[in-house]
Amino acid sequence: LLFTTSHKNPVKRIGVGFASSLLP
């Protein structure tokens, strides 16, 4: 959830991590 993307914004990082890992 925290390291799927390296975006500096923590909210965007968690959001992208959650969205990209739900189906996997």
mmCIF file of all heavy atoms, coordinates in Angstrom:
data_MODEL
# 
_entry.id   MODEL 
# 
loop_
_atom_site.group_PDB 
_atom_site.id 
_atom_site.type_symbol 
_atom_site.label_atom_id 
_atom_site.label_alt_id 
_atom_site.label_comp_id 
_atom_site.label_asym_id 
_atom_site.label_entity_id 
_atom_site.label_seq_id 
_atom_site.pdbx_PDB_ins_code 
_atom_site.Cartn_x 
_atom_site.Cartn_y 
_atom_site.Cartn_z 
_atom_site.occupancy 
_atom_site.B_iso_or_equiv 
_atom_site.pdbx_formal_charge 
_atom_site.auth_seq_id 
_atom_site.auth_comp_id 
_atom_site.auth_asym_id 
_atom_site.auth_atom_id 
_atom_site.pdbx_PDB_model_num 
ATOM 1   N N   . LEU A 1 1  ? 0.828   -1.198  0.000   1.00 0.00 ? 1  LEU A N   1 
ATOM 2   C CA  . LEU A 1 1  ? 0.000   0.000   0.000   1.00 0.00 ? 1  LEU A CA  1 
ATOM 3   C C   . LEU A 1 1  ? 0.870   1.259   0.000   1.00 0.00 ? 1  LEU A C   1 
ATOM 4   O O   . LEU A 1 1  ? 0.558   2.251   -0.672  1.00 0.00 ? 1  LEU A O   1 
ATOM 5   C CB  . LEU A 1 1  ? -0.909  -0.004  1.235   1.00 0.00 ? 1  LEU A CB  1 
ATOM 6   C CG  . LEU A 1 1  ? -2.020  1.055   1.288   1.00 0.00 ? 1  LEU A CG  1 
ATOM 7   C CD1 . LEU A 1 1  ? -3.072  0.776   0.235   1.00 0.00 ? 1  LEU A CD1 1 
ATOM 8   C CD2 . LEU A 1 1  ? -2.639  1.098   2.681   1.00 0.00 ? 1  LEU A CD2 1 
ATOM 9   N N   . LEU A 1 2  ? 2.002   1.205   0.718   1.00 0.00 ? 2  LEU A N   1 
ATOM 10  C CA  . LEU A 1 2  ? 2.863   2.384   0.872   1.00 0.00 ? 2  LEU A CA  1 
ATOM 11  C C   . LEU A 1 2  ? 3.927   2.503   -0.208  1.00 0.00 ? 2  LEU A C   1 
ATOM 12  O O   . LEU A 1 2  ? 4.389   3.619   -0.493  1.00 0.00 ? 2  LEU A O   1 
ATOM 13  C CB  . LEU A 1 2  ? 3.544   2.344   2.242   1.00 0.00 ? 2  LEU A CB  1 
ATOM 14  C CG  . LEU A 1 2  ? 2.626   2.473   3.469   1.00 0.00 ? 2  LEU A CG  1 
ATOM 15  C CD1 . LEU A 1 2  ? 3.443   2.345   4.758   1.00 0.00 ? 2  LEU A CD1 1 
ATOM 16  C CD2 . LEU A 1 2  ? 1.891   3.806   3.445   1.00 0.00 ? 2  LEU A CD2 1 
ATOM 17  N N   . PHE A 1 3  ? 4.343   1.389   -0.815  1.00 0.00 ? 3  PHE A N   1 
ATOM 18  C CA  . PHE A 1 3  ? 5.508   1.438   -1.688  1.00 0.00 ? 3  PHE A CA  1 
ATOM 19  C C   . PHE A 1 3  ? 5.239   1.001   -3.119  1.00 0.00 ? 3  PHE A C   1 
ATOM 20  O O   . PHE A 1 3  ? 6.171   0.873   -3.908  1.00 0.00 ? 3  PHE A O   1 
ATOM 21  C CB  . PHE A 1 3  ? 6.627   0.572   -1.094  1.00 0.00 ? 3  PHE A CB  1 
ATOM 22  C CG  . PHE A 1 3  ? 7.117   1.057   0.234   1.00 0.00 ? 3  PHE A CG  1 
ATOM 23  C CD1 . PHE A 1 3  ? 6.742   0.406   1.402   1.00 0.00 ? 3  PHE A CD1 1 
ATOM 24  C CD2 . PHE A 1 3  ? 7.931   2.172   0.317   1.00 0.00 ? 3  PHE A CD2 1 
ATOM 25  C CE1 . PHE A 1 3  ? 7.178   0.858   2.635   1.00 0.00 ? 3  PHE A CE1 1 
ATOM 26  C CE2 . PHE A 1 3  ? 8.387   2.619   1.554   1.00 0.00 ? 3  PHE A CE2 1 
ATOM 27  C CZ  . PHE A 1 3  ? 8.003   1.971   2.718   1.00 0.00 ? 3  PHE A CZ  1 
ATOM 28  N N   . THR A 1 4  ? 3.978   0.774   -3.480  1.00 0.00 ? 4  THR A N   1 
ATOM 29  C CA  . THR A 1 4  ? 3.684   0.449   -4.873  1.00 0.00 ? 4  THR A CA  1 
ATOM 30  C C   . THR A 1 4  ? 4.069   1.594   -5.795  1.00 0.00 ? 4  THR A C   1 
ATOM 31  O O   . THR A 1 4  ? 4.539   1.389   -6.912  1.00 0.00 ? 4  THR A O   1 
ATOM 32  C CB  . THR A 1 4  ? 2.188   0.112   -5.039  1.00 0.00 ? 4  THR A CB  1 
ATOM 33  O OG1 . THR A 1 4  ? 1.907   -1.078  -4.302  1.00 0.00 ? 4  THR A OG1 1 
ATOM 34  C CG2 . THR A 1 4  ? 1.840   -0.112  -6.509  1.00 0.00 ? 4  THR A CG2 1 
ATOM 35  N N   . THR A 1 5  ? 3.868   2.838   -5.327  1.00 0.00 ? 5  THR A N   1 
ATOM 36  C CA  . THR A 1 5  ? 4.282   4.016   -6.080  1.00 0.00 ? 5  THR A CA  1 
ATOM 37  C C   . THR A 1 5  ? 5.175   4.873   -5.193  1.00 0.00 ? 5  THR A C   1 
ATOM 38  O O   . THR A 1 5  ? 5.088   4.812   -3.957  1.00 0.00 ? 5  THR A O   1 
ATOM 39  C CB  . THR A 1 5  ? 3.055   4.834   -6.547  1.00 0.00 ? 5  THR A CB  1 
ATOM 40  O OG1 . THR A 1 5  ? 3.493   5.985   -7.255  1.00 0.00 ? 5  THR A OG1 1 
ATOM 41  C CG2 . THR A 1 5  ? 2.211   5.269   -5.368  1.00 0.00 ? 5  THR A CG2 1 
ATOM 42  N N   . SER A 1 6  ? 6.011   5.690   -5.804  1.00 0.00 ? 6  SER A N   1 
ATOM 43  C CA  . SER A 1 6  ? 6.938   6.539   -5.045  1.00 0.00 ? 6  SER A CA  1 
ATOM 44  C C   . SER A 1 6  ? 6.490   7.990   -5.017  1.00 0.00 ? 6  SER A C   1 
ATOM 45  O O   . SER A 1 6  ? 7.303   8.893   -4.894  1.00 0.00 ? 6  SER A O   1 
ATOM 46  C CB  . SER A 1 6  ? 8.340   6.439   -5.661  1.00 0.00 ? 6  SER A CB  1 
ATOM 47  O OG  . SER A 1 6  ? 8.314   6.780   -7.038  1.00 0.00 ? 6  SER A OG  1 
ATOM 48  N N   . HIS A 1 7  ? 5.185   8.226   -5.151  1.00 0.00 ? 7  HIS A N   1 
ATOM 49  C CA  . HIS A 1 7  ? 4.666   9.596   -5.146  1.00 0.00 ? 7  HIS A CA  1 
ATOM 50  C C   . HIS A 1 7  ? 4.950   10.258  -3.797  1.00 0.00 ? 7  HIS A C   1 
ATOM 51  O O   . HIS A 1 7  ? 4.823   9.636   -2.738  1.00 0.00 ? 7  HIS A O   1 
ATOM 52  C CB  . HIS A 1 7  ? 3.162   9.581   -5.416  1.00 0.00 ? 7  HIS A CB  1 
ATOM 53  C CG  . HIS A 1 7  ? 2.648   10.862  -5.980  1.00 0.00 ? 7  HIS A CG  1 
ATOM 54  N ND1 . HIS A 1 7  ? 2.502   12.002  -5.212  1.00 0.00 ? 7  HIS A ND1 1 
ATOM 55  C CD2 . HIS A 1 7  ? 2.258   11.212  -7.234  1.00 0.00 ? 7  HIS A CD2 1 
ATOM 56  C CE1 . HIS A 1 7  ? 2.038   12.995  -5.948  1.00 0.00 ? 7  HIS A CE1 1 
ATOM 57  N NE2 . HIS A 1 7  ? 1.874   12.534  -7.196  1.00 0.00 ? 7  HIS A NE2 1 
ATOM 58  N N   . LYS A 1 8  ? 5.346   11.525  -3.833  1.00 0.00 ? 8  LYS A N   1 
ATOM 59  C CA  . LYS A 1 8  ? 5.702   12.230  -2.604  1.00 0.00 ? 8  LYS A CA  1 
ATOM 60  C C   . LYS A 1 8  ? 4.488   12.542  -1.738  1.00 0.00 ? 8  LYS A C   1 
ATOM 61  O O   . LYS A 1 8  ? 4.591   12.628  -0.514  1.00 0.00 ? 8  LYS A O   1 
ATOM 62  C CB  . LYS A 1 8  ? 6.443   13.526  -2.948  1.00 0.00 ? 8  LYS A CB  1 
ATOM 63  C CG  . LYS A 1 8  ? 7.807   13.283  -3.588  1.00 0.00 ? 8  LYS A CG  1 
ATOM 64  C CD  . LYS A 1 8  ? 8.520   14.597  -3.859  1.00 0.00 ? 8  LYS A CD  1 
ATOM 65  C CE  . LYS A 1 8  ? 9.894   14.346  -4.488  1.00 0.00 ? 8  LYS A CE  1 
ATOM 66  N NZ  . LYS A 1 8  ? 10.620  15.606  -4.765  1.00 0.00 ? 8  LYS A NZ  1 
ATOM 67  N N   . ASN A 1 9  ? 3.333   12.734  -2.358  1.00 0.00 ? 9  ASN A N   1 
ATOM 68  C CA  . ASN A 1 9  ? 2.115   13.011  -1.610  1.00 0.00 ? 9  ASN A CA  1 
ATOM 69  C C   . ASN A 1 9  ? 1.624   11.715  -0.953  1.00 0.00 ? 9  ASN A C   1 
ATOM 70  O O   . ASN A 1 9  ? 1.273   10.763  -1.646  1.00 0.00 ? 9  ASN A O   1 
ATOM 71  C CB  . ASN A 1 9  ? 1.036   13.574  -2.539  1.00 0.00 ? 9  ASN A CB  1 
ATOM 72  C CG  . ASN A 1 9  ? -0.182  14.057  -1.778  1.00 0.00 ? 9  ASN A CG  1 
ATOM 73  O OD1 . ASN A 1 9  ? -0.593  13.461  -0.801  1.00 0.00 ? 9  ASN A OD1 1 
ATOM 74  N ND2 . ASN A 1 9  ? -0.768  15.160  -2.244  1.00 0.00 ? 9  ASN A ND2 1 
ATOM 75  N N   . PRO A 1 10 ? 1.593   11.630  0.392   1.00 0.00 ? 10 PRO A N   1 
ATOM 76  C CA  . PRO A 1 10 ? 1.216   10.368  1.044   1.00 0.00 ? 10 PRO A CA  1 
ATOM 77  C C   . PRO A 1 10 ? -0.211  9.925   0.734   1.00 0.00 ? 10 PRO A C   1 
ATOM 78  O O   . PRO A 1 10 ? -0.489  8.727   0.652   1.00 0.00 ? 10 PRO A O   1 
ATOM 79  C CB  . PRO A 1 10 ? 1.401   10.667  2.540   1.00 0.00 ? 10 PRO A CB  1 
ATOM 80  C CG  . PRO A 1 10 ? 1.356   12.158  2.649   1.00 0.00 ? 10 PRO A CG  1 
ATOM 81  C CD  . PRO A 1 10 ? 1.915   12.679  1.364   1.00 0.00 ? 10 PRO A CD  1 
ATOM 82  N N   . VAL A 1 11 ? -1.113  10.892  0.557   1.00 0.00 ? 11 VAL A N   1 
ATOM 83  C CA  . VAL A 1 11 ? -2.496  10.530  0.252   1.00 0.00 ? 11 VAL A CA  1 
ATOM 84  C C   . VAL A 1 11 ? -2.586  9.872   -1.120  1.00 0.00 ? 11 VAL A C   1 
ATOM 85  O O   . VAL A 1 11 ? -3.246  8.841   -1.295  1.00 0.00 ? 11 VAL A O   1 
ATOM 86  C CB  . VAL A 1 11 ? -3.398  11.783  0.329   1.00 0.00 ? 11 VAL A CB  1 
ATOM 87  C CG1 . VAL A 1 11 ? -4.829  11.423  -0.063  1.00 0.00 ? 11 VAL A CG1 1 
ATOM 88  C CG2 . VAL A 1 11 ? -3.371  12.384  1.734   1.00 0.00 ? 11 VAL A CG2 1 
ATOM 89  N N   . LYS A 1 12 ? -1.919  10.490  -2.106  1.00 0.00 ? 12 LYS A N   1 
ATOM 90  C CA  . LYS A 1 12 ? -1.923  9.911   -3.448  1.00 0.00 ? 12 LYS A CA  1 
ATOM 91  C C   . LYS A 1 12 ? -1.203  8.567   -3.459  1.00 0.00 ? 12 LYS A C   1 
ATOM 92  O O   . LYS A 1 12 ? -1.606  7.643   -4.167  1.00 0.00 ? 12 LYS A O   1 
ATOM 93  C CB  . LYS A 1 12 ? -1.271  10.870  -4.433  1.00 0.00 ? 12 LYS A CB  1 
ATOM 94  C CG  . LYS A 1 12 ? -2.105  12.112  -4.735  1.00 0.00 ? 12 LYS A CG  1 
ATOM 95  C CD  . LYS A 1 12 ? -1.457  12.949  -5.810  1.00 0.00 ? 12 LYS A CD  1 
ATOM 96  C CE  . LYS A 1 12 ? -2.337  14.156  -6.169  1.00 0.00 ? 12 LYS A CE  1 
ATOM 97  N NZ  . LYS A 1 12 ? -1.707  14.994  -7.233  1.00 0.00 ? 12 LYS A NZ  1 
ATOM 98  N N   . ARG A 1 13 ? -0.133  8.478   -2.671  1.00 0.00 ? 13 ARG A N   1 
ATOM 99  C CA  . ARG A 1 13 ? 0.614   7.211   -2.622  1.00 0.00 ? 13 ARG A CA  1 
ATOM 100 C C   . ARG A 1 13 ? -0.278  6.080   -2.121  1.00 0.00 ? 13 ARG A C   1 
ATOM 101 O O   . ARG A 1 13 ? -0.326  4.995   -2.710  1.00 0.00 ? 13 ARG A O   1 
ATOM 102 C CB  . ARG A 1 13 ? 1.836   7.363   -1.721  1.00 0.00 ? 13 ARG A CB  1 
ATOM 103 C CG  . ARG A 1 13 ? 2.567   6.057   -1.477  1.00 0.00 ? 13 ARG A CG  1 
ATOM 104 C CD  . ARG A 1 13 ? 3.724   6.202   -0.541  1.00 0.00 ? 13 ARG A CD  1 
ATOM 105 N NE  . ARG A 1 13 ? 4.814   6.955   -1.137  1.00 0.00 ? 13 ARG A NE  1 
ATOM 106 C CZ  . ARG A 1 13 ? 6.043   7.016   -0.614  1.00 0.00 ? 13 ARG A CZ  1 
ATOM 107 N NH1 . ARG A 1 13 ? 6.305   6.361   0.517   1.00 0.00 ? 13 ARG A NH1 1 
ATOM 108 N NH2 . ARG A 1 13 ? 6.984   7.715   -1.197  1.00 0.00 ? 13 ARG A NH2 1 
ATOM 109 N N   . ILE A 1 14 ? -1.004  6.325   -1.031  1.00 0.00 ? 14 ILE A N   1 
ATOM 110 C CA  . ILE A 1 14 ? -1.867  5.288   -0.469  1.00 0.00 ? 14 ILE A CA  1 
ATOM 111 C C   . ILE A 1 14 ? -3.032  5.001   -1.417  1.00 0.00 ? 14 ILE A C   1 
ATOM 112 O O   . ILE A 1 14 ? -3.419  3.841   -1.615  1.00 0.00 ? 14 ILE A O   1 
ATOM 113 C CB  . ILE A 1 14 ? -2.389  5.732   0.917   1.00 0.00 ? 14 ILE A CB  1 
ATOM 114 C CG1 . ILE A 1 14 ? -1.219  5.798   1.903   1.00 0.00 ? 14 ILE A CG1 1 
ATOM 115 C CG2 . ILE A 1 14 ? -3.457  4.769   1.422   1.00 0.00 ? 14 ILE A CG2 1 
ATOM 116 C CD1 . ILE A 1 14 ? -1.597  6.332   3.278   1.00 0.00 ? 14 ILE A CD1 1 
ATOM 117 N N   . GLY A 1 15 ? -3.587  6.058   -2.019  1.00 0.00 ? 15 GLY A N   1 
ATOM 118 C CA  . GLY A 1 15 ? -4.709  5.860   -2.944  1.00 0.00 ? 15 GLY A CA  1 
ATOM 119 C C   . GLY A 1 15 ? -4.321  5.034   -4.148  1.00 0.00 ? 15 GLY A C   1 
ATOM 120 O O   . GLY A 1 15 ? -5.037  4.098   -4.532  1.00 0.00 ? 15 GLY A O   1 
ATOM 121 N N   . VAL A 1 16 ? -3.169  5.369   -4.750  1.00 0.00 ? 16 VAL A N   1 
ATOM 122 C CA  . VAL A 1 16 ? -2.697  4.603   -5.907  1.00 0.00 ? 16 VAL A CA  1 
ATOM 123 C C   . VAL A 1 16 ? -2.351  3.176   -5.496  1.00 0.00 ? 16 VAL A C   1 
ATOM 124 O O   . VAL A 1 16 ? -2.656  2.206   -6.204  1.00 0.00 ? 16 VAL A O   1 
ATOM 125 C CB  . VAL A 1 16 ? -1.484  5.297   -6.555  1.00 0.00 ? 16 VAL A CB  1 
ATOM 126 C CG1 . VAL A 1 16 ? -0.873  4.413   -7.633  1.00 0.00 ? 16 VAL A CG1 1 
ATOM 127 C CG2 . VAL A 1 16 ? -1.890  6.640   -7.153  1.00 0.00 ? 16 VAL A CG2 1 
ATOM 128 N N   . GLY A 1 17 ? -1.718  3.035   -4.327  1.00 0.00 ? 17 GLY A N   1 
ATOM 129 C CA  . GLY A 1 17 ? -1.367  1.701   -3.853  1.00 0.00 ? 17 GLY A CA  1 
ATOM 130 C C   . GLY A 1 17 ? -2.582  0.834   -3.618  1.00 0.00 ? 17 GLY A C   1 
ATOM 131 O O   . GLY A 1 17 ? -2.593  -0.354  -3.980  1.00 0.00 ? 17 GLY A O   1 
ATOM 132 N N   . PHE A 1 18 ? -3.630  1.417   -3.053  1.00 0.00 ? 18 PHE A N   1 
ATOM 133 C CA  . PHE A 1 18 ? -4.850  0.645   -2.801  1.00 0.00 ? 18 PHE A CA  1 
ATOM 134 C C   . PHE A 1 18 ? -5.546  0.267   -4.109  1.00 0.00 ? 18 PHE A C   1 
ATOM 135 O O   . PHE A 1 18 ? -5.963  -0.876  -4.294  1.00 0.00 ? 18 PHE A O   1 
ATOM 136 C CB  . PHE A 1 18 ? -5.800  1.457   -1.915  1.00 0.00 ? 18 PHE A CB  1 
ATOM 137 C CG  . PHE A 1 18 ? -7.088  0.754   -1.613  1.00 0.00 ? 18 PHE A CG  1 
ATOM 138 C CD1 . PHE A 1 18 ? -7.134  -0.247  -0.653  1.00 0.00 ? 18 PHE A CD1 1 
ATOM 139 C CD2 . PHE A 1 18 ? -8.241  1.081   -2.300  1.00 0.00 ? 18 PHE A CD2 1 
ATOM 140 C CE1 . PHE A 1 18 ? -8.317  -0.909  -0.379  1.00 0.00 ? 18 PHE A CE1 1 
ATOM 141 C CE2 . PHE A 1 18 ? -9.433  0.417   -2.039  1.00 0.00 ? 18 PHE A CE2 1 
ATOM 142 C CZ  . PHE A 1 18 ? -9.467  -0.574  -1.064  1.00 0.00 ? 18 PHE A CZ  1 
ATOM 143 N N   . ALA A 1 19 ? -5.649  1.225   -5.023  1.00 0.00 ? 19 ALA A N   1 
ATOM 144 C CA  . ALA A 1 19 ? -6.358  0.981   -6.282  1.00 0.00 ? 19 ALA A CA  1 
ATOM 145 C C   . ALA A 1 19 ? -5.639  -0.056  -7.140  1.00 0.00 ? 19 ALA A C   1 
ATOM 146 O O   . ALA A 1 19 ? -6.271  -0.884  -7.798  1.00 0.00 ? 19 ALA A O   1 
ATOM 147 C CB  . ALA A 1 19 ? -6.509  2.286   -7.059  1.00 0.00 ? 19 ALA A CB  1 
ATOM 148 N N   . SER A 1 20 ? -4.309  -0.012  -7.136  1.00 0.00 ? 20 SER A N   1 
ATOM 149 C CA  . SER A 1 20 ? -3.545  -0.920  -7.998  1.00 0.00 ? 20 SER A CA  1 
ATOM 150 C C   . SER A 1 20 ? -3.335  -2.298  -7.387  1.00 0.00 ? 20 SER A C   1 
ATOM 151 O O   . SER A 1 20 ? -2.894  -3.213  -8.081  1.00 0.00 ? 20 SER A O   1 
ATOM 152 C CB  . SER A 1 20 ? -2.180  -0.303  -8.327  1.00 0.00 ? 20 SER A CB  1 
ATOM 153 O OG  . SER A 1 20 ? -1.442  -0.069  -7.134  1.00 0.00 ? 20 SER A OG  1 
ATOM 154 N N   . SER A 1 21 ? -3.642  -2.451  -6.098  1.00 0.00 ? 21 SER A N   1 
ATOM 155 C CA  . SER A 1 21 ? -3.399  -3.743  -5.440  1.00 0.00 ? 21 SER A CA  1 
ATOM 156 C C   . SER A 1 21 ? -4.681  -4.486  -5.094  1.00 0.00 ? 21 SER A C   1 
ATOM 157 O O   . SER A 1 21 ? -4.618  -5.641  -4.642  1.00 0.00 ? 21 SER A O   1 
ATOM 158 C CB  . SER A 1 21 ? -2.587  -3.534  -4.157  1.00 0.00 ? 21 SER A CB  1 
ATOM 159 O OG  . SER A 1 21 ? -3.268  -2.668  -3.257  1.00 0.00 ? 21 SER A OG  1 
ATOM 160 N N   . LEU A 1 22 ? -5.845  -3.866  -5.309  1.00 0.00 ? 22 LEU A N   1 
ATOM 161 C CA  . LEU A 1 22 ? -7.097  -4.510  -4.917  1.00 0.00 ? 22 LEU A CA  1 
ATOM 162 C C   . LEU A 1 22 ? -7.331  -5.797  -5.702  1.00 0.00 ? 22 LEU A C   1 
ATOM 163 O O   . LEU A 1 22 ? -7.554  -6.872  -5.125  1.00 0.00 ? 22 LEU A O   1 
ATOM 164 C CB  . LEU A 1 22 ? -8.261  -3.538  -5.123  1.00 0.00 ? 22 LEU A CB  1 
ATOM 165 C CG  . LEU A 1 22 ? -9.626  -4.017  -4.621  1.00 0.00 ? 22 LEU A CG  1 
ATOM 166 C CD1 . LEU A 1 22 ? -9.566  -4.303  -3.116  1.00 0.00 ? 22 LEU A CD1 1 
ATOM 167 C CD2 . LEU A 1 22 ? -10.698 -2.978  -4.923  1.00 0.00 ? 22 LEU A CD2 1 
ATOM 168 N N   . LEU A 1 23 ? -7.271  -5.734  -7.031  1.00 0.00 ? 23 LEU A N   1 
ATOM 169 C CA  . LEU A 1 23 ? -7.474  -6.935  -7.846  1.00 0.00 ? 23 LEU A CA  1 
ATOM 170 C C   . LEU A 1 23 ? -6.341  -7.943  -7.685  1.00 0.00 ? 23 LEU A C   1 
ATOM 171 O O   . LEU A 1 23 ? -6.606  -9.150  -7.589  1.00 0.00 ? 23 LEU A O   1 
ATOM 172 C CB  . LEU A 1 23 ? -7.649  -6.536  -9.316  1.00 0.00 ? 23 LEU A CB  1 
ATOM 173 C CG  . LEU A 1 23 ? -8.974  -5.844  -9.660  1.00 0.00 ? 23 LEU A CG  1 
ATOM 174 C CD1 . LEU A 1 23 ? -9.014  -5.459  -11.140 1.00 0.00 ? 23 LEU A CD1 1 
ATOM 175 C CD2 . LEU A 1 23 ? -10.158 -6.742  -9.321  1.00 0.00 ? 23 LEU A CD2 1 
ATOM 176 N N   . PRO A 1 24 ? -5.057  -7.494  -7.645  1.00 0.00 ? 24 PRO A N   1 
ATOM 177 C CA  . PRO A 1 24 ? -3.993  -8.480  -7.400  1.00 0.00 ? 24 PRO A CA  1 
ATOM 178 C C   . PRO A 1 24 ? -4.134  -9.215  -6.073  1.00 0.00 ? 24 PRO A C   1 
ATOM 179 O O   . PRO A 1 24 ? -3.758  -10.384 -5.973  1.00 0.00 ? 24 PRO A O   1 
ATOM 180 C CB  . PRO A 1 24 ? -2.717  -7.633  -7.432  1.00 0.00 ? 24 PRO A CB  1 
ATOM 181 C CG  . PRO A 1 24 ? -3.048  -6.492  -8.324  1.00 0.00 ? 24 PRO A CG  1 
ATOM 182 C CD  . PRO A 1 24 ? -4.491  -6.202  -8.049  1.00 0.00 ? 24 PRO A CD  1 
# 
